[in-house]
Amino acid sequence: MKQEINPQDTSRSRAFELWIKSPMPMVTLTKTFDITRLYKASRRKGLKINMLLCHCIGLAASRIDEFYLLPEQDKLFKYDRLSINVIVKNRKGDICSCDVAYSDDPTEFNTRYTNLTTSAYESCESFYDEESMVIGTSAMVETELDSIVNQYSTLFNNPMVMWGKYRKGLFKVKLPISFQFHHSQMDGGHAASFLSRLQEVINSL
């Protein structure tokens, strides 16, 4: 459920005043992750790496209160659940967008992910969830990337997690991941905590 709240009644009061009218309010952090366990889990269980990473992102974000807040058009909204947005290349060669409702249960999340992305591929239609806080993702796996910076636009304030192709070494699999967020929603400390939690979640697979 989406609910408008008064920024003055939240811990983001000062940050909201400082950044809501900023012409460039987005911040991007980049961290190289060890995804060896995720890679092995994918191979062992026959699951898509992208799906597993999206579930890990949801699990890490779900434990941080700021991820349930979103600044939009000089207002602040609070949500009670999360979705992970996935970009799908459809059968016509164009792209579609899927908001996959997050679940702590990886099996349930995998079912939702598989059903939605398959439907988007076949129907060439996008599926949006307007009542959940959406964390955007973008996987450009055609090439290895060191960092990605998305558009800085007030039209899209949602946090965004982006990556390219993973890098296989002799013993480890590494993946640089970029995380972009609106400064009214969270501070650098919250973002750094999210990235640390994400690595912990991946390590726990």
N, C-alpha and C. Protein backbone atom coordinates (compact mmCIF):
# COMPACT_ATOMS: atom_id res chain seq x y z
N MET A 1 0.83 -1.20 0.00
CA MET A 1 0.00 0.00 0.00
C MET A 1 0.87 1.25 0.00
N LYS A 2 0.46 2.25 -0.75
CA LYS A 2 1.18 3.51 -0.85
C LYS A 2 0.46 4.57 -0.02
N GLN A 3 1.21 5.30 0.82
CA GLN A 3 0.61 6.28 1.71
C GLN A 3 1.48 7.53 1.78
N GLU A 4 0.88 8.70 1.56
CA GLU A 4 1.63 9.95 1.70
C GLU A 4 1.85 10.24 3.18
N ILE A 5 3.06 10.64 3.54
CA ILE A 5 3.39 10.96 4.92
C ILE A 5 4.04 12.34 4.99
N ASN A 6 4.04 12.90 6.17
CA ASN A 6 4.67 14.20 6.39
C ASN A 6 6.16 14.00 6.64
N PRO A 7 7.03 14.56 5.79
CA PRO A 7 8.47 14.37 5.98
C PRO A 7 8.96 14.82 7.34
N GLN A 8 8.28 15.83 7.93
CA GLN A 8 8.69 16.35 9.23
C GLN A 8 8.50 15.32 10.35
N ASP A 9 7.68 14.30 10.09
CA ASP A 9 7.44 13.27 11.09
C ASP A 9 8.37 12.07 10.93
N THR A 10 9.37 12.21 10.07
CA THR A 10 10.28 11.09 9.80
C THR A 10 11.72 11.50 10.10
N SER A 11 12.60 10.52 10.06
CA SER A 11 14.03 10.78 10.26
C SER A 11 14.64 11.47 9.04
N ARG A 12 13.88 11.57 7.93
CA ARG A 12 14.38 12.18 6.69
C ARG A 12 14.00 13.64 6.58
N SER A 13 13.52 14.25 7.64
CA SER A 13 13.03 15.63 7.62
C SER A 13 14.06 16.60 7.06
N ARG A 14 15.25 16.63 7.63
CA ARG A 14 16.29 17.57 7.21
C ARG A 14 16.76 17.26 5.80
N ALA A 15 16.99 16.00 5.51
CA ALA A 15 17.46 15.60 4.18
C ALA A 15 16.42 15.95 3.11
N PHE A 16 15.15 15.79 3.45
CA PHE A 16 14.08 16.10 2.50
C PHE A 16 14.12 17.59 2.14
N GLU A 17 14.29 18.44 3.15
CA GLU A 17 14.38 19.89 2.90
C GLU A 17 15.58 20.23 2.01
N LEU A 18 16.69 19.56 2.24
CA LEU A 18 17.92 19.88 1.52
C LEU A 18 17.91 19.40 0.08
N TRP A 19 17.30 18.23 -0.18
CA TRP A 19 17.51 17.57 -1.46
C TRP A 19 16.28 17.45 -2.36
N ILE A 20 15.09 17.71 -1.85
CA ILE A 20 13.91 17.45 -2.68
C ILE A 20 13.84 18.37 -3.89
N LYS A 21 14.39 19.56 -3.80
CA LYS A 21 14.38 20.48 -4.94
C LYS A 21 15.74 20.58 -5.64
N SER A 22 16.65 19.71 -5.27
CA SER A 22 17.96 19.71 -5.92
C SER A 22 17.83 19.29 -7.38
N PRO A 23 18.52 19.98 -8.30
CA PRO A 23 18.46 19.59 -9.71
C PRO A 23 19.20 18.28 -9.99
N MET A 24 20.02 17.84 -9.06
CA MET A 24 20.75 16.58 -9.24
C MET A 24 20.83 15.86 -7.89
N PRO A 25 19.72 15.25 -7.44
CA PRO A 25 19.65 14.69 -6.09
C PRO A 25 20.12 13.24 -5.98
N MET A 26 20.50 12.64 -7.11
CA MET A 26 20.86 11.22 -7.09
C MET A 26 22.34 11.02 -6.75
N VAL A 27 22.61 9.94 -6.04
CA VAL A 27 23.98 9.58 -5.66
C VAL A 27 24.22 8.14 -6.13
N THR A 28 25.43 7.87 -6.64
CA THR A 28 25.75 6.53 -7.11
C THR A 28 26.99 6.00 -6.38
N LEU A 29 26.87 4.82 -5.79
CA LEU A 29 28.00 4.12 -5.18
C LEU A 29 28.26 2.84 -5.97
N THR A 30 29.53 2.46 -6.11
CA THR A 30 29.88 1.24 -6.83
C THR A 30 30.78 0.37 -5.96
N LYS A 31 30.46 -0.92 -5.92
CA LYS A 31 31.23 -1.87 -5.09
C LYS A 31 31.39 -3.17 -5.89
N THR A 32 32.57 -3.76 -5.80
CA THR A 32 32.80 -5.05 -6.44
C THR A 32 32.46 -6.17 -5.47
N PHE A 33 31.56 -7.05 -5.89
CA PHE A 33 31.06 -8.12 -5.03
C PHE A 33 31.69 -9.46 -5.40
N ASP A 34 31.86 -10.28 -4.38
CA ASP A 34 32.24 -11.67 -4.58
C ASP A 34 30.94 -12.47 -4.68
N ILE A 35 30.60 -12.93 -5.89
CA ILE A 35 29.34 -13.65 -6.08
C ILE A 35 29.60 -15.15 -6.31
N THR A 36 30.71 -15.64 -5.80
CA THR A 36 31.07 -17.05 -6.02
C THR A 36 29.97 -17.99 -5.53
N ARG A 37 29.45 -17.75 -4.33
CA ARG A 37 28.41 -18.64 -3.78
C ARG A 37 27.13 -18.53 -4.58
N LEU A 38 26.82 -17.32 -5.05
CA LEU A 38 25.63 -17.14 -5.87
C LEU A 38 25.78 -17.89 -7.19
N TYR A 39 26.96 -17.78 -7.79
CA TYR A 39 27.25 -18.47 -9.04
C TYR A 39 27.12 -19.99 -8.87
N LYS A 40 27.67 -20.52 -7.78
CA LYS A 40 27.61 -21.96 -7.54
C LYS A 40 26.18 -22.42 -7.25
N ALA A 41 25.43 -21.60 -6.50
CA ALA A 41 24.03 -21.94 -6.21
C ALA A 41 23.21 -21.97 -7.49
N SER A 42 23.50 -21.04 -8.39
CA SER A 42 22.80 -21.00 -9.67
C SER A 42 23.04 -22.27 -10.46
N ARG A 43 24.30 -22.70 -10.53
CA ARG A 43 24.65 -23.90 -11.28
C ARG A 43 24.09 -25.16 -10.61
N ARG A 44 24.15 -25.19 -9.30
CA ARG A 44 23.73 -26.38 -8.56
C ARG A 44 22.22 -26.59 -8.62
N LYS A 45 21.47 -25.50 -8.52
CA LYS A 45 20.01 -25.59 -8.45
C LYS A 45 19.32 -25.32 -9.79
N GLY A 46 20.11 -24.95 -10.81
CA GLY A 46 19.50 -24.66 -12.11
C GLY A 46 18.67 -23.40 -12.11
N LEU A 47 19.08 -22.40 -11.34
CA LEU A 47 18.36 -21.13 -11.24
C LEU A 47 19.15 -20.02 -11.94
N LYS A 48 18.43 -19.01 -12.42
CA LYS A 48 19.08 -17.90 -13.11
C LYS A 48 19.84 -17.03 -12.11
N ILE A 49 21.07 -16.67 -12.47
CA ILE A 49 21.88 -15.79 -11.62
C ILE A 49 21.15 -14.47 -11.38
N ASN A 50 20.53 -13.93 -12.43
CA ASN A 50 19.83 -12.65 -12.31
C ASN A 50 18.70 -12.73 -11.28
N MET A 51 17.96 -13.84 -11.29
CA MET A 51 16.87 -14.01 -10.33
C MET A 51 17.41 -14.09 -8.91
N LEU A 52 18.47 -14.88 -8.72
CA LEU A 52 19.06 -15.02 -7.40
C LEU A 52 19.57 -13.68 -6.87
N LEU A 53 20.20 -12.91 -7.75
CA LEU A 53 20.72 -11.61 -7.33
C LEU A 53 19.57 -10.66 -6.98
N CYS A 54 18.49 -10.69 -7.75
CA CYS A 54 17.33 -9.85 -7.46
C CYS A 54 16.72 -10.22 -6.11
N HIS A 55 16.67 -11.52 -5.81
CA HIS A 55 16.15 -11.94 -4.51
C HIS A 55 17.06 -11.46 -3.38
N CYS A 56 18.38 -11.56 -3.58
CA CYS A 56 19.34 -11.07 -2.58
C CYS A 56 19.18 -9.57 -2.36
N ILE A 57 18.96 -8.83 -3.44
CA ILE A 57 18.75 -7.38 -3.33
C ILE A 57 17.51 -7.09 -2.49
N GLY A 58 16.43 -7.81 -2.77
CA GLY A 58 15.20 -7.62 -2.00
C GLY A 58 15.38 -7.96 -0.53
N LEU A 59 16.09 -9.04 -0.24
CA LEU A 59 16.32 -9.46 1.14
C LEU A 59 17.14 -8.43 1.89
N ALA A 60 18.21 -7.92 1.26
CA ALA A 60 19.05 -6.92 1.91
C ALA A 60 18.29 -5.62 2.14
N ALA A 61 17.50 -5.19 1.14
CA ALA A 61 16.76 -3.93 1.23
C ALA A 61 15.61 -4.01 2.22
N SER A 62 15.00 -5.17 2.34
CA SER A 62 13.80 -5.31 3.18
C SER A 62 14.09 -5.07 4.65
N ARG A 63 15.37 -5.13 5.04
CA ARG A 63 15.74 -4.92 6.45
C ARG A 63 16.14 -3.47 6.74
N ILE A 64 16.02 -2.59 5.74
CA ILE A 64 16.41 -1.19 5.91
C ILE A 64 15.18 -0.31 5.70
N ASP A 65 14.77 0.43 6.73
CA ASP A 65 13.52 1.19 6.71
C ASP A 65 13.45 2.20 5.57
N GLU A 66 14.58 2.82 5.24
CA GLU A 66 14.59 3.88 4.23
C GLU A 66 14.16 3.38 2.85
N PHE A 67 14.29 2.09 2.59
CA PHE A 67 13.89 1.56 1.29
C PHE A 67 12.37 1.59 1.09
N TYR A 68 11.62 1.79 2.16
CA TYR A 68 10.17 1.84 2.04
C TYR A 68 9.66 3.27 1.83
N LEU A 69 10.57 4.22 1.72
CA LEU A 69 10.22 5.62 1.48
C LEU A 69 10.57 6.02 0.06
N LEU A 70 9.77 6.93 -0.52
CA LEU A 70 10.07 7.41 -1.87
C LEU A 70 9.62 8.86 -2.03
N PRO A 71 10.55 9.77 -2.37
CA PRO A 71 10.17 11.16 -2.66
C PRO A 71 9.64 11.27 -4.08
N GLU A 72 8.49 11.93 -4.22
CA GLU A 72 7.89 12.14 -5.54
C GLU A 72 7.21 13.50 -5.58
N GLN A 73 7.64 14.36 -6.52
CA GLN A 73 6.99 15.65 -6.75
C GLN A 73 6.73 16.42 -5.45
N ASP A 74 7.80 16.67 -4.72
CA ASP A 74 7.76 17.45 -3.47
C ASP A 74 6.97 16.78 -2.35
N LYS A 75 6.68 15.50 -2.49
CA LYS A 75 5.98 14.76 -1.45
C LYS A 75 6.79 13.53 -1.06
N LEU A 76 6.46 12.98 0.10
CA LEU A 76 7.14 11.77 0.55
C LEU A 76 6.10 10.68 0.78
N PHE A 77 6.34 9.50 0.22
CA PHE A 77 5.41 8.39 0.34
C PHE A 77 6.07 7.23 1.06
N LYS A 78 5.23 6.46 1.76
CA LYS A 78 5.70 5.27 2.46
C LYS A 78 4.94 4.06 1.94
N TYR A 79 5.67 2.96 1.75
CA TYR A 79 5.09 1.72 1.27
C TYR A 79 5.23 0.64 2.33
N ASP A 80 4.39 -0.40 2.22
CA ASP A 80 4.50 -1.50 3.19
C ASP A 80 5.07 -2.77 2.59
N ARG A 81 5.46 -2.71 1.30
CA ARG A 81 6.09 -3.88 0.68
C ARG A 81 6.99 -3.44 -0.47
N LEU A 82 7.83 -4.37 -0.91
CA LEU A 82 8.81 -4.08 -1.95
C LEU A 82 8.56 -4.93 -3.20
N SER A 83 8.97 -4.39 -4.34
CA SER A 83 9.05 -5.15 -5.59
C SER A 83 10.40 -4.88 -6.22
N ILE A 84 10.87 -5.84 -6.99
CA ILE A 84 12.12 -5.69 -7.73
C ILE A 84 11.78 -5.58 -9.21
N ASN A 85 12.18 -4.47 -9.82
CA ASN A 85 11.91 -4.28 -11.24
C ASN A 85 12.97 -4.99 -12.08
N VAL A 86 12.52 -5.71 -13.09
CA VAL A 86 13.42 -6.45 -13.98
C VAL A 86 13.13 -6.02 -15.42
N ILE A 87 14.17 -5.72 -16.17
CA ILE A 87 14.03 -5.38 -17.58
C ILE A 87 14.16 -6.65 -18.41
N VAL A 88 13.20 -6.87 -19.30
CA VAL A 88 13.15 -8.08 -20.10
C VAL A 88 13.23 -7.73 -21.59
N LYS A 89 14.11 -8.41 -22.31
CA LYS A 89 14.14 -8.28 -23.77
C LYS A 89 13.08 -9.21 -24.34
N ASN A 90 12.06 -8.64 -25.00
CA ASN A 90 10.96 -9.47 -25.47
C ASN A 90 11.24 -10.10 -26.83
N ARG A 91 10.29 -10.89 -27.32
CA ARG A 91 10.49 -11.65 -28.55
C ARG A 91 10.58 -10.77 -29.79
N LYS A 92 10.18 -9.50 -29.66
CA LYS A 92 10.29 -8.57 -30.78
C LYS A 92 11.61 -7.81 -30.77
N GLY A 93 12.43 -8.07 -29.75
CA GLY A 93 13.71 -7.40 -29.65
C GLY A 93 13.66 -6.08 -28.90
N ASP A 94 12.47 -5.70 -28.44
CA ASP A 94 12.31 -4.49 -27.63
C ASP A 94 12.45 -4.88 -26.16
N ILE A 95 12.27 -3.92 -25.24
CA ILE A 95 12.37 -4.25 -23.82
C ILE A 95 11.03 -3.98 -23.12
N CYS A 96 10.77 -4.78 -22.10
CA CYS A 96 9.60 -4.62 -21.24
C CYS A 96 10.07 -4.52 -19.79
N SER A 97 9.16 -4.08 -18.94
CA SER A 97 9.47 -3.87 -17.54
C SER A 97 8.56 -4.73 -16.68
N CYS A 98 9.14 -5.41 -15.68
CA CYS A 98 8.37 -6.28 -14.78
C CYS A 98 8.66 -5.91 -13.33
N ASP A 99 7.62 -5.61 -12.55
CA ASP A 99 7.77 -5.40 -11.12
C ASP A 99 7.43 -6.70 -10.41
N VAL A 100 8.45 -7.38 -9.91
CA VAL A 100 8.27 -8.69 -9.27
C VAL A 100 8.15 -8.48 -7.76
N ALA A 101 7.00 -8.82 -7.20
CA ALA A 101 6.78 -8.65 -5.76
C ALA A 101 7.80 -9.47 -4.98
N TYR A 102 8.47 -8.81 -4.03
CA TYR A 102 9.49 -9.49 -3.25
C TYR A 102 8.85 -10.43 -2.23
N SER A 103 9.47 -11.58 -2.02
CA SER A 103 9.10 -12.52 -0.97
C SER A 103 10.36 -13.05 -0.31
N ASP A 104 10.32 -13.22 1.01
CA ASP A 104 11.46 -13.80 1.71
C ASP A 104 11.72 -15.23 1.24
N ASP A 105 10.67 -15.89 0.77
CA ASP A 105 10.79 -17.27 0.29
C ASP A 105 11.37 -17.26 -1.12
N PRO A 106 12.60 -17.75 -1.31
CA PRO A 106 13.22 -17.70 -2.63
C PRO A 106 12.47 -18.52 -3.68
N THR A 107 11.81 -19.60 -3.26
CA THR A 107 11.05 -20.42 -4.21
C THR A 107 9.85 -19.64 -4.74
N GLU A 108 9.16 -18.96 -3.85
CA GLU A 108 8.02 -18.15 -4.25
C GLU A 108 8.46 -16.99 -5.15
N PHE A 109 9.56 -16.36 -4.78
CA PHE A 109 10.06 -15.25 -5.60
C PHE A 109 10.46 -15.75 -6.98
N ASN A 110 11.10 -16.92 -7.04
CA ASN A 110 11.51 -17.48 -8.33
C ASN A 110 10.29 -17.76 -9.22
N THR A 111 9.21 -18.26 -8.62
CA THR A 111 7.99 -18.51 -9.39
C THR A 111 7.43 -17.21 -9.96
N ARG A 112 7.36 -16.18 -9.13
CA ARG A 112 6.86 -14.88 -9.59
C ARG A 112 7.76 -14.32 -10.69
N TYR A 113 9.06 -14.39 -10.46
CA TYR A 113 10.04 -13.87 -11.42
C TYR A 113 9.89 -14.60 -12.77
N THR A 114 9.84 -15.92 -12.72
CA THR A 114 9.77 -16.71 -13.94
C THR A 114 8.47 -16.46 -14.70
N ASN A 115 7.35 -16.44 -13.97
CA ASN A 115 6.05 -16.23 -14.62
C ASN A 115 5.95 -14.85 -15.27
N LEU A 116 6.39 -13.82 -14.55
CA LEU A 116 6.27 -12.45 -15.08
C LEU A 116 7.20 -12.21 -16.25
N THR A 117 8.46 -12.64 -16.12
CA THR A 117 9.41 -12.38 -17.21
C THR A 117 9.05 -13.19 -18.45
N THR A 118 8.53 -14.40 -18.27
CA THR A 118 8.08 -15.20 -19.41
C THR A 118 6.89 -14.55 -20.10
N SER A 119 5.94 -14.05 -19.29
CA SER A 119 4.77 -13.37 -19.85
C SER A 119 5.18 -12.11 -20.59
N ALA A 120 6.13 -11.36 -20.03
CA ALA A 120 6.59 -10.14 -20.69
C ALA A 120 7.27 -10.47 -22.01
N TYR A 121 8.07 -11.53 -22.03
CA TYR A 121 8.74 -11.93 -23.27
C TYR A 121 7.73 -12.31 -24.35
N GLU A 122 6.72 -13.08 -23.98
CA GLU A 122 5.75 -13.57 -24.96
C GLU A 122 4.76 -12.49 -25.39
N SER A 123 4.25 -11.72 -24.43
CA SER A 123 3.20 -10.74 -24.73
C SER A 123 3.74 -9.39 -25.18
N CYS A 124 5.04 -9.15 -24.91
CA CYS A 124 5.66 -7.84 -25.21
C CYS A 124 4.98 -6.71 -24.44
N GLU A 125 4.45 -7.03 -23.25
CA GLU A 125 3.81 -6.05 -22.39
C GLU A 125 4.58 -5.92 -21.08
N SER A 126 4.47 -4.75 -20.46
CA SER A 126 5.10 -4.51 -19.17
C SER A 126 4.10 -4.75 -18.04
N PHE A 127 4.63 -5.09 -16.87
CA PHE A 127 3.79 -5.35 -15.71
C PHE A 127 4.28 -4.49 -14.54
N TYR A 128 3.41 -3.56 -14.10
CA TYR A 128 3.79 -2.62 -13.06
C TYR A 128 3.00 -2.87 -11.78
N ASP A 129 3.64 -2.59 -10.65
CA ASP A 129 2.99 -2.69 -9.34
C ASP A 129 3.04 -1.31 -8.70
N GLU A 130 1.94 -0.57 -8.83
CA GLU A 130 1.91 0.82 -8.35
C GLU A 130 1.82 0.92 -6.83
N GLU A 131 1.48 -0.17 -6.17
CA GLU A 131 1.27 -0.12 -4.72
C GLU A 131 2.46 -0.63 -3.92
N SER A 132 3.56 -0.91 -4.58
CA SER A 132 4.75 -1.35 -3.86
C SER A 132 5.92 -0.42 -4.14
N MET A 133 6.86 -0.39 -3.22
CA MET A 133 8.08 0.37 -3.41
C MET A 133 8.98 -0.43 -4.34
N VAL A 134 9.27 0.13 -5.50
CA VAL A 134 9.99 -0.61 -6.54
C VAL A 134 11.48 -0.26 -6.53
N ILE A 135 12.30 -1.29 -6.43
CA ILE A 135 13.74 -1.14 -6.57
C ILE A 135 14.10 -1.54 -8.00
N GLY A 136 14.61 -0.60 -8.77
CA GLY A 136 14.94 -0.89 -10.16
C GLY A 136 16.22 -1.69 -10.28
N THR A 137 16.29 -2.53 -11.30
CA THR A 137 17.54 -3.22 -11.63
C THR A 137 17.75 -3.15 -13.13
N SER A 138 19.00 -3.23 -13.52
CA SER A 138 19.35 -3.25 -14.94
C SER A 138 20.61 -4.08 -15.10
N ALA A 139 20.49 -5.19 -15.85
CA ALA A 139 21.61 -6.09 -16.06
C ALA A 139 22.05 -6.02 -17.52
N MET A 140 23.23 -5.46 -17.76
CA MET A 140 23.77 -5.34 -19.11
C MET A 140 24.90 -6.35 -19.26
N VAL A 141 24.52 -7.62 -19.43
CA VAL A 141 25.46 -8.72 -19.32
C VAL A 141 26.22 -9.01 -20.63
N GLU A 142 26.05 -8.16 -21.61
CA GLU A 142 26.77 -8.36 -22.87
C GLU A 142 28.26 -8.09 -22.74
N THR A 143 28.62 -7.29 -21.71
CA THR A 143 30.03 -6.96 -21.54
C THR A 143 30.32 -6.69 -20.07
N GLU A 144 31.60 -6.76 -19.71
CA GLU A 144 32.02 -6.43 -18.35
C GLU A 144 32.02 -4.91 -18.18
N LEU A 145 31.50 -4.45 -17.06
CA LEU A 145 31.44 -3.02 -16.77
C LEU A 145 32.02 -2.76 -15.39
N ASP A 146 32.73 -1.64 -15.26
CA ASP A 146 33.26 -1.26 -13.95
C ASP A 146 32.25 -0.49 -13.13
N SER A 147 31.43 0.32 -13.81
CA SER A 147 30.46 1.15 -13.10
C SER A 147 29.38 1.59 -14.08
N ILE A 148 28.19 1.89 -13.55
CA ILE A 148 27.09 2.40 -14.36
C ILE A 148 26.48 3.59 -13.63
N VAL A 149 26.26 4.68 -14.36
CA VAL A 149 25.55 5.83 -13.81
C VAL A 149 24.29 6.02 -14.64
N ASN A 150 23.14 5.99 -13.98
CA ASN A 150 21.86 6.10 -14.66
C ASN A 150 21.51 7.56 -14.89
N GLN A 151 20.37 7.82 -15.54
CA GLN A 151 19.92 9.19 -15.76
C GLN A 151 19.64 9.88 -14.42
N TYR A 152 20.01 11.14 -14.32
CA TYR A 152 19.68 11.93 -13.14
C TYR A 152 18.43 12.72 -13.48
N SER A 153 17.30 12.19 -13.10
CA SER A 153 16.02 12.79 -13.49
C SER A 153 15.05 12.72 -12.33
N THR A 154 14.30 13.79 -12.09
CA THR A 154 13.27 13.79 -11.04
C THR A 154 12.04 13.01 -11.47
N LEU A 155 12.02 12.50 -12.70
CA LEU A 155 10.89 11.71 -13.17
C LEU A 155 10.93 10.30 -12.59
N PHE A 156 12.12 9.87 -12.18
CA PHE A 156 12.28 8.51 -11.65
C PHE A 156 13.22 8.57 -10.46
N ASN A 157 12.64 8.53 -9.25
CA ASN A 157 13.43 8.68 -8.03
C ASN A 157 13.73 7.37 -7.33
N ASN A 158 13.21 6.27 -7.86
CA ASN A 158 13.41 4.97 -7.20
C ASN A 158 14.88 4.58 -7.16
N PRO A 159 15.28 3.84 -6.13
CA PRO A 159 16.66 3.34 -6.09
C PRO A 159 16.88 2.36 -7.24
N MET A 160 18.11 2.30 -7.72
CA MET A 160 18.42 1.50 -8.91
C MET A 160 19.71 0.72 -8.66
N VAL A 161 19.68 -0.59 -8.93
CA VAL A 161 20.85 -1.44 -8.80
C VAL A 161 21.20 -1.96 -10.19
N MET A 162 22.48 -1.78 -10.60
CA MET A 162 22.86 -2.06 -11.99
C MET A 162 24.18 -2.82 -12.05
N TRP A 163 24.30 -3.69 -13.04
CA TRP A 163 25.53 -4.47 -13.20
C TRP A 163 25.69 -4.94 -14.64
N GLY A 164 26.92 -5.40 -14.95
CA GLY A 164 27.21 -5.95 -16.27
C GLY A 164 27.49 -7.44 -16.17
N LYS A 165 28.45 -7.92 -16.91
CA LYS A 165 28.79 -9.34 -16.95
C LYS A 165 29.73 -9.68 -15.79
N TYR A 166 29.50 -10.82 -15.16
CA TYR A 166 30.38 -11.22 -14.05
C TYR A 166 31.74 -11.65 -14.58
N ARG A 167 32.73 -11.67 -13.69
CA ARG A 167 34.11 -11.97 -14.05
C ARG A 167 34.59 -13.22 -13.32
N LYS A 168 34.90 -14.26 -14.06
CA LYS A 168 35.34 -15.51 -13.46
C LYS A 168 36.86 -15.52 -13.33
N GLY A 169 37.33 -15.73 -12.11
CA GLY A 169 38.75 -15.90 -11.87
C GLY A 169 39.04 -17.36 -11.61
N LEU A 170 40.23 -17.63 -11.10
CA LEU A 170 40.63 -19.01 -10.83
C LEU A 170 39.82 -19.61 -9.69
N PHE A 171 39.57 -18.81 -8.64
CA PHE A 171 38.85 -19.32 -7.47
C PHE A 171 37.58 -18.55 -7.15
N LYS A 172 37.44 -17.32 -7.67
CA LYS A 172 36.29 -16.49 -7.31
C LYS A 172 35.61 -15.90 -8.54
N VAL A 173 34.33 -15.59 -8.36
CA VAL A 173 33.56 -14.91 -9.39
C VAL A 173 33.21 -13.53 -8.84
N LYS A 174 33.61 -12.47 -9.56
CA LYS A 174 33.42 -11.10 -9.09
C LYS A 174 32.42 -10.36 -9.97
N LEU A 175 31.73 -9.38 -9.37
CA LEU A 175 30.77 -8.58 -10.12
C LEU A 175 30.70 -7.16 -9.55
N PRO A 176 31.13 -6.13 -10.29
CA PRO A 176 30.93 -4.75 -9.86
C PRO A 176 29.45 -4.39 -9.97
N ILE A 177 28.90 -3.80 -8.91
CA ILE A 177 27.50 -3.40 -8.89
C ILE A 177 27.41 -1.92 -8.53
N SER A 178 26.61 -1.18 -9.29
CA SER A 178 26.37 0.23 -9.02
C SER A 178 25.00 0.39 -8.35
N PHE A 179 24.95 1.23 -7.33
CA PHE A 179 23.71 1.49 -6.61
C PHE A 179 23.42 2.99 -6.61
N GLN A 180 22.31 3.37 -7.20
CA GLN A 180 21.92 4.79 -7.28
C GLN A 180 20.69 5.03 -6.41
N PHE A 181 20.68 6.14 -5.67
CA PHE A 181 19.57 6.44 -4.78
C PHE A 181 19.35 7.95 -4.70
N HIS A 182 18.15 8.33 -4.30
CA HIS A 182 17.79 9.74 -4.10
C HIS A 182 18.19 10.13 -2.68
N HIS A 183 18.89 11.27 -2.56
CA HIS A 183 19.44 11.68 -1.27
C HIS A 183 18.35 12.02 -0.25
N SER A 184 17.14 12.34 -0.72
CA SER A 184 16.04 12.57 0.22
C SER A 184 15.57 11.27 0.86
N GLN A 185 15.75 10.19 0.16
CA GLN A 185 15.31 8.88 0.65
C GLN A 185 16.27 8.31 1.68
N MET A 186 17.57 8.42 1.40
CA MET A 186 18.56 7.86 2.31
C MET A 186 19.88 8.60 2.18
N ASP A 187 20.75 8.40 3.16
CA ASP A 187 22.09 8.98 3.14
C ASP A 187 23.10 7.94 2.66
N GLY A 188 24.33 8.39 2.48
CA GLY A 188 25.38 7.49 2.03
C GLY A 188 25.60 6.34 2.99
N GLY A 189 25.41 6.60 4.29
CA GLY A 189 25.57 5.54 5.29
C GLY A 189 24.56 4.42 5.12
N HIS A 190 23.31 4.80 4.82
CA HIS A 190 22.28 3.79 4.58
C HIS A 190 22.63 2.97 3.33
N ALA A 191 23.09 3.67 2.29
CA ALA A 191 23.45 2.99 1.04
C ALA A 191 24.62 2.04 1.25
N ALA A 192 25.63 2.50 2.01
CA ALA A 192 26.79 1.64 2.30
C ALA A 192 26.37 0.42 3.12
N SER A 193 25.44 0.63 4.05
CA SER A 193 24.93 -0.47 4.86
C SER A 193 24.20 -1.49 3.98
N PHE A 194 23.44 -0.99 3.02
CA PHE A 194 22.74 -1.88 2.09
C PHE A 194 23.73 -2.72 1.29
N LEU A 195 24.78 -2.10 0.79
CA LEU A 195 25.77 -2.84 0.01
C LEU A 195 26.48 -3.90 0.86
N SER A 196 26.77 -3.56 2.10
CA SER A 196 27.38 -4.54 3.01
C SER A 196 26.43 -5.70 3.28
N ARG A 197 25.16 -5.37 3.51
CA ARG A 197 24.16 -6.41 3.76
C ARG A 197 24.00 -7.31 2.53
N LEU A 198 24.05 -6.69 1.35
CA LEU A 198 23.91 -7.47 0.13
C LEU A 198 25.02 -8.51 0.01
N GLN A 199 26.25 -8.11 0.32
CA GLN A 199 27.35 -9.08 0.28
C GLN A 199 27.13 -10.18 1.33
N GLU A 200 26.64 -9.82 2.51
CA GLU A 200 26.38 -10.81 3.54
C GLU A 200 25.31 -11.81 3.10
N VAL A 201 24.27 -11.30 2.46
CA VAL A 201 23.19 -12.16 1.96
C VAL A 201 23.73 -13.12 0.90
N ILE A 202 24.54 -12.61 -0.02
CA ILE A 202 25.13 -13.47 -1.05
C ILE A 202 26.01 -14.54 -0.42
N ASN A 203 26.77 -14.14 0.59
CA ASN A 203 27.66 -15.10 1.27
C ASN A 203 26.90 -16.20 2.00
N SER A 204 25.65 -15.91 2.36
CA SER A 204 24.85 -16.87 3.14
C SER A 204 24.14 -17.89 2.27
N LEU A 205 24.23 -17.75 0.94
CA LEU A 205 23.55 -18.70 0.05
C LEU A 205 24.12 -20.11 0.23
